[in-house]
N, C-alpha and C. Protein backbone atom coordinates (compact mmCIF):
# COMPACT_ATOMS: atom_id res chain seq x y z
N MET A 1 77.00 91.55 78.95
CA MET A 1 77.65 90.13 79.60
C MET A 1 78.51 89.69 79.15
N ASP A 2 78.83 89.40 77.81
CA ASP A 2 79.28 88.56 76.87
C ASP A 2 81.04 89.32 76.97
N SER A 3 81.02 90.77 77.47
CA SER A 3 82.15 91.39 77.35
C SER A 3 83.00 91.48 78.67
N ILE A 4 82.09 91.28 79.59
CA ILE A 4 82.65 90.94 80.78
C ILE A 4 83.66 90.00 81.31
N PHE A 5 83.24 88.57 80.56
CA PHE A 5 83.91 87.21 80.28
C PHE A 5 85.11 87.39 79.22
N ILE A 6 84.63 88.33 78.37
CA ILE A 6 85.65 88.44 77.51
C ILE A 6 87.28 89.06 77.78
N GLY A 7 86.47 90.30 79.05
CA GLY A 7 87.94 90.88 79.58
C GLY A 7 88.38 90.31 80.70
N LEU A 8 87.71 89.25 81.53
CA LEU A 8 87.96 88.86 82.59
C LEU A 8 89.84 88.02 82.72
N PRO A 9 89.69 87.18 81.48
CA PRO A 9 91.21 86.97 81.90
C PRO A 9 92.27 87.66 81.52
N TYR A 10 92.19 88.47 80.77
CA TYR A 10 92.99 89.66 81.38
C TYR A 10 93.34 90.35 82.26
N VAL A 11 92.16 90.56 83.28
CA VAL A 11 92.26 90.92 84.38
C VAL A 11 93.00 90.08 85.11
N ILE A 12 92.87 89.12 84.93
CA ILE A 12 93.37 87.93 86.16
C ILE A 12 94.46 88.05 85.51
N ALA A 13 95.16 88.10 84.26
CA ALA A 13 96.24 87.91 83.70
C ALA A 13 97.22 89.04 84.34
N ARG A 14 96.50 90.23 84.40
CA ARG A 14 97.42 91.53 85.17
C ARG A 14 97.78 91.39 86.46
N LEU A 15 96.57 90.82 87.02
CA LEU A 15 96.81 90.67 88.46
C LEU A 15 97.58 89.73 89.22
N ILE A 16 97.79 88.60 88.34
CA ILE A 16 98.83 87.56 88.20
C ILE A 16 100.29 88.27 88.32
N GLY A 17 100.41 89.16 87.10
CA GLY A 17 101.71 89.95 87.05
C GLY A 17 101.90 90.77 88.23
N ALA A 18 101.19 91.11 88.55
CA ALA A 18 101.41 91.94 90.13
C ALA A 18 101.27 91.27 90.93
N TYR A 19 101.07 90.17 91.14
CA TYR A 19 101.52 89.10 92.37
C TYR A 19 103.31 88.65 91.91
N GLU A 20 103.28 88.68 90.62
CA GLU A 20 104.58 88.26 90.26
C GLU A 20 105.67 89.64 90.59
N VAL A 21 105.46 90.63 90.34
CA VAL A 21 106.31 91.93 90.72
C VAL A 21 106.27 91.59 92.45
N LEU A 22 105.41 91.54 93.25
CA LEU A 22 105.40 91.47 94.89
C LEU A 22 106.12 90.50 95.06
N ILE A 23 106.25 89.54 94.98
CA ILE A 23 107.41 88.24 94.73
C ILE A 23 108.92 88.84 94.55
N ILE A 24 108.93 89.26 93.39
CA ILE A 24 110.21 89.67 93.51
C ILE A 24 110.66 90.53 94.27
N ILE A 25 109.93 91.90 94.52
CA ILE A 25 110.32 92.76 95.67
C ILE A 25 110.53 92.03 96.64
N TYR A 26 109.66 91.26 97.60
CA TYR A 26 109.90 90.37 98.39
C TYR A 26 111.13 89.38 98.80
N ALA A 27 111.25 89.40 97.39
CA ALA A 27 112.80 88.46 97.54
C ALA A 27 114.09 89.35 97.24
N LEU A 28 113.81 90.72 96.77
CA LEU A 28 114.86 91.89 96.84
C LEU A 28 115.21 92.35 98.39
N LEU A 29 114.32 92.09 99.16
CA LEU A 29 114.18 92.21 100.47
C LEU A 29 115.08 91.75 100.96
N SER A 30 115.51 90.51 100.79
CA SER A 30 116.24 89.60 101.59
C SER A 30 117.60 90.15 101.42
N TRP A 31 117.92 91.24 100.82
CA TRP A 31 119.34 92.08 100.70
C TRP A 31 119.30 92.88 101.46
N PHE A 32 118.77 93.42 102.15
CA PHE A 32 118.85 94.15 102.91
C PHE A 32 118.72 94.24 104.50
N PRO A 33 119.08 94.45 105.53
CA PRO A 33 119.41 93.71 107.15
C PRO A 33 117.56 94.70 107.07
N GLY A 34 117.19 94.25 108.10
CA GLY A 34 116.07 94.61 108.38
C GLY A 34 114.93 95.14 107.94
N ALA A 35 115.02 94.68 106.61
CA ALA A 35 113.82 95.02 105.35
C ALA A 35 112.24 94.50 105.91
N TYR A 36 112.66 93.34 106.30
CA TYR A 36 111.46 92.43 106.60
C TYR A 36 110.37 92.94 107.73
N ARG A 37 111.18 93.66 108.85
CA ARG A 37 110.57 94.27 109.71
C ARG A 37 109.54 95.56 109.12
N SER A 38 110.39 96.09 108.27
CA SER A 38 109.73 97.46 107.93
C SER A 38 107.98 97.30 107.43
N LYS A 39 107.43 98.70 107.49
CA LYS A 39 106.02 98.73 107.50
C LYS A 39 105.69 97.54 105.60
N LEU A 40 106.44 97.84 104.86
CA LEU A 40 106.97 97.58 103.75
C LEU A 40 107.10 96.01 103.69
N GLY A 41 108.16 95.54 104.48
CA GLY A 41 108.49 94.52 104.36
C GLY A 41 107.21 93.64 105.13
N GLN A 42 106.75 94.20 106.29
CA GLN A 42 105.50 93.41 106.99
C GLN A 42 104.24 93.35 106.31
N ILE A 43 103.98 94.16 105.27
CA ILE A 43 102.79 94.19 104.25
C ILE A 43 102.84 92.89 102.96
N LEU A 44 104.46 93.57 102.76
CA LEU A 44 104.66 91.90 101.73
C LEU A 44 104.54 90.41 102.33
N THR A 45 105.30 90.41 103.60
CA THR A 45 105.08 89.19 104.37
C THR A 45 103.86 88.64 104.33
N ARG A 46 102.81 89.31 104.32
CA ARG A 46 101.70 88.85 104.91
C ARG A 46 100.84 88.47 103.52
N MET A 47 101.36 89.26 102.31
CA MET A 47 100.47 88.82 101.33
C MET A 47 101.17 87.81 100.44
N VAL A 48 102.77 87.21 100.78
CA VAL A 48 103.64 86.65 99.52
C VAL A 48 103.80 85.46 100.53
N ALA A 49 104.33 85.38 101.43
CA ALA A 49 104.72 84.41 101.90
C ALA A 49 104.04 83.07 102.41
N PRO A 50 102.74 83.09 102.71
CA PRO A 50 101.57 81.73 102.64
C PRO A 50 102.15 81.27 101.46
N PHE A 51 101.96 81.56 100.50
CA PHE A 51 102.35 81.25 98.70
C PHE A 51 103.61 80.52 98.61
N LEU A 52 104.45 81.30 99.08
CA LEU A 52 106.25 80.87 99.08
C LEU A 52 106.29 79.97 100.35
N ASN A 53 105.21 79.58 101.21
CA ASN A 53 105.90 78.69 102.20
C ASN A 53 105.25 77.44 101.59
N MET A 54 104.04 77.51 100.97
CA MET A 54 103.65 76.64 100.17
C MET A 54 104.70 75.55 99.49
N ILE A 55 105.35 76.52 98.70
CA ILE A 55 106.24 76.04 97.73
C ILE A 55 107.60 75.41 98.63
N ASP A 56 108.17 76.09 99.63
CA ASP A 56 109.21 75.79 100.73
C ASP A 56 108.82 73.98 101.21
N ARG A 57 107.64 73.79 101.65
CA ARG A 57 107.64 72.25 101.90
C ARG A 57 107.38 71.31 100.77
N VAL A 58 107.37 71.65 99.31
CA VAL A 58 107.20 70.77 98.38
C VAL A 58 109.22 70.72 98.12
N VAL A 59 109.43 71.96 97.93
CA VAL A 59 110.82 71.95 97.58
C VAL A 59 111.69 72.92 98.72
N PRO A 60 112.51 72.00 99.29
CA PRO A 60 113.22 72.21 100.13
C PRO A 60 114.52 73.26 100.38
N SER A 61 114.76 74.12 100.94
CA SER A 61 116.08 74.98 100.50
C SER A 61 117.44 74.12 100.33
N ILE A 62 117.96 74.61 99.68
CA ILE A 62 119.30 74.00 99.14
C ILE A 62 120.49 75.11 99.53
N MET A 63 121.25 74.36 100.41
CA MET A 63 122.56 74.78 100.88
C MET A 63 121.98 76.53 101.78
N GLY A 64 121.03 76.16 102.35
CA GLY A 64 120.14 77.52 103.33
C GLY A 64 119.65 78.33 101.50
N MET A 65 119.36 78.49 100.55
CA MET A 65 118.87 79.34 99.62
C MET A 65 117.68 78.52 99.18
N SER A 66 116.72 79.20 99.44
CA SER A 66 115.24 79.05 98.90
C SER A 66 115.10 79.60 97.14
N PHE A 67 114.55 78.93 96.86
CA PHE A 67 114.06 78.63 95.30
C PHE A 67 112.49 78.87 95.32
N ALA A 68 112.24 79.20 95.98
CA ALA A 68 110.47 79.15 96.31
C ALA A 68 109.90 80.26 95.35
N PRO A 69 110.78 82.04 95.63
CA PRO A 69 110.31 82.57 94.63
C PRO A 69 110.38 82.78 92.76
N LEU A 70 111.35 81.69 92.88
CA LEU A 70 111.90 81.59 91.46
C LEU A 70 110.73 80.43 90.83
N ILE A 71 110.45 79.38 91.52
CA ILE A 71 109.51 78.02 91.57
C ILE A 71 107.93 78.97 90.90
N ALA A 72 107.91 79.82 91.93
CA ALA A 72 106.54 80.62 92.40
C ALA A 72 105.98 81.57 91.37
N ILE A 73 106.79 82.44 90.77
CA ILE A 73 106.93 83.11 89.41
C ILE A 73 106.77 82.22 88.14
N ILE A 74 107.73 80.86 88.09
CA ILE A 74 107.50 80.09 87.11
C ILE A 74 105.92 79.47 86.88
N LEU A 75 105.63 78.88 87.94
CA LEU A 75 104.25 78.47 88.36
C LEU A 75 102.98 79.40 88.06
N LEU A 76 103.31 80.86 88.37
CA LEU A 76 102.12 82.09 88.14
C LEU A 76 102.13 82.06 86.60
N GLU A 77 103.51 82.31 86.13
CA GLU A 77 103.85 82.58 84.78
C GLU A 77 103.01 81.50 83.90
N ILE A 78 103.03 79.92 84.16
CA ILE A 78 102.37 78.90 83.56
C ILE A 78 100.73 79.22 83.68
N LEU A 79 100.25 79.72 84.74
CA LEU A 79 98.79 79.75 85.27
C LEU A 79 98.37 80.82 84.35
N SER A 80 98.90 81.65 83.80
CA SER A 80 98.52 83.30 83.40
C SER A 80 98.47 82.29 81.85
N ARG A 81 99.56 81.85 81.61
CA ARG A 81 99.42 81.61 80.17
C ARG A 81 98.36 80.81 79.45
N ILE A 82 98.38 79.69 80.02
CA ILE A 82 97.01 78.61 80.47
C ILE A 82 95.78 79.69 79.80
N LEU A 83 95.40 80.30 81.52
CA LEU A 83 93.86 81.18 81.41
C LEU A 83 94.39 81.85 80.03
N LEU A 84 95.23 82.34 79.93
CA LEU A 84 95.05 83.46 78.54
C LEU A 84 94.74 82.28 76.82
N SER A 85 95.10 81.50 77.05
CA SER A 85 95.01 80.66 75.95
C SER A 85 93.72 79.96 76.15
N ILE A 86 93.32 79.40 77.16
CA ILE A 86 91.50 78.87 77.27
C ILE A 86 90.84 79.74 77.40
N LEU A 87 90.91 80.38 77.61
CA LEU A 87 89.68 81.95 77.63
C LEU A 87 90.21 82.74 76.43
């Protein structure tokens, strides 16, 4: 039973890392016209947009540029490092 709890932080850290990759892909889709309307774009929007929208409410866009993906990745990276150091 203890081995499950020892490996759990690493699994969670890997999942956080995978979510960071999804955020990066979502941000890169903005470079391609109509990419958000594709099947991949719709799936990524459902997975990533709620988290990014929370950040957008706190940190508004500057000159039309949203820094939510960057802030999200930084926050997730901090969370991952804290999780790995505590557990």
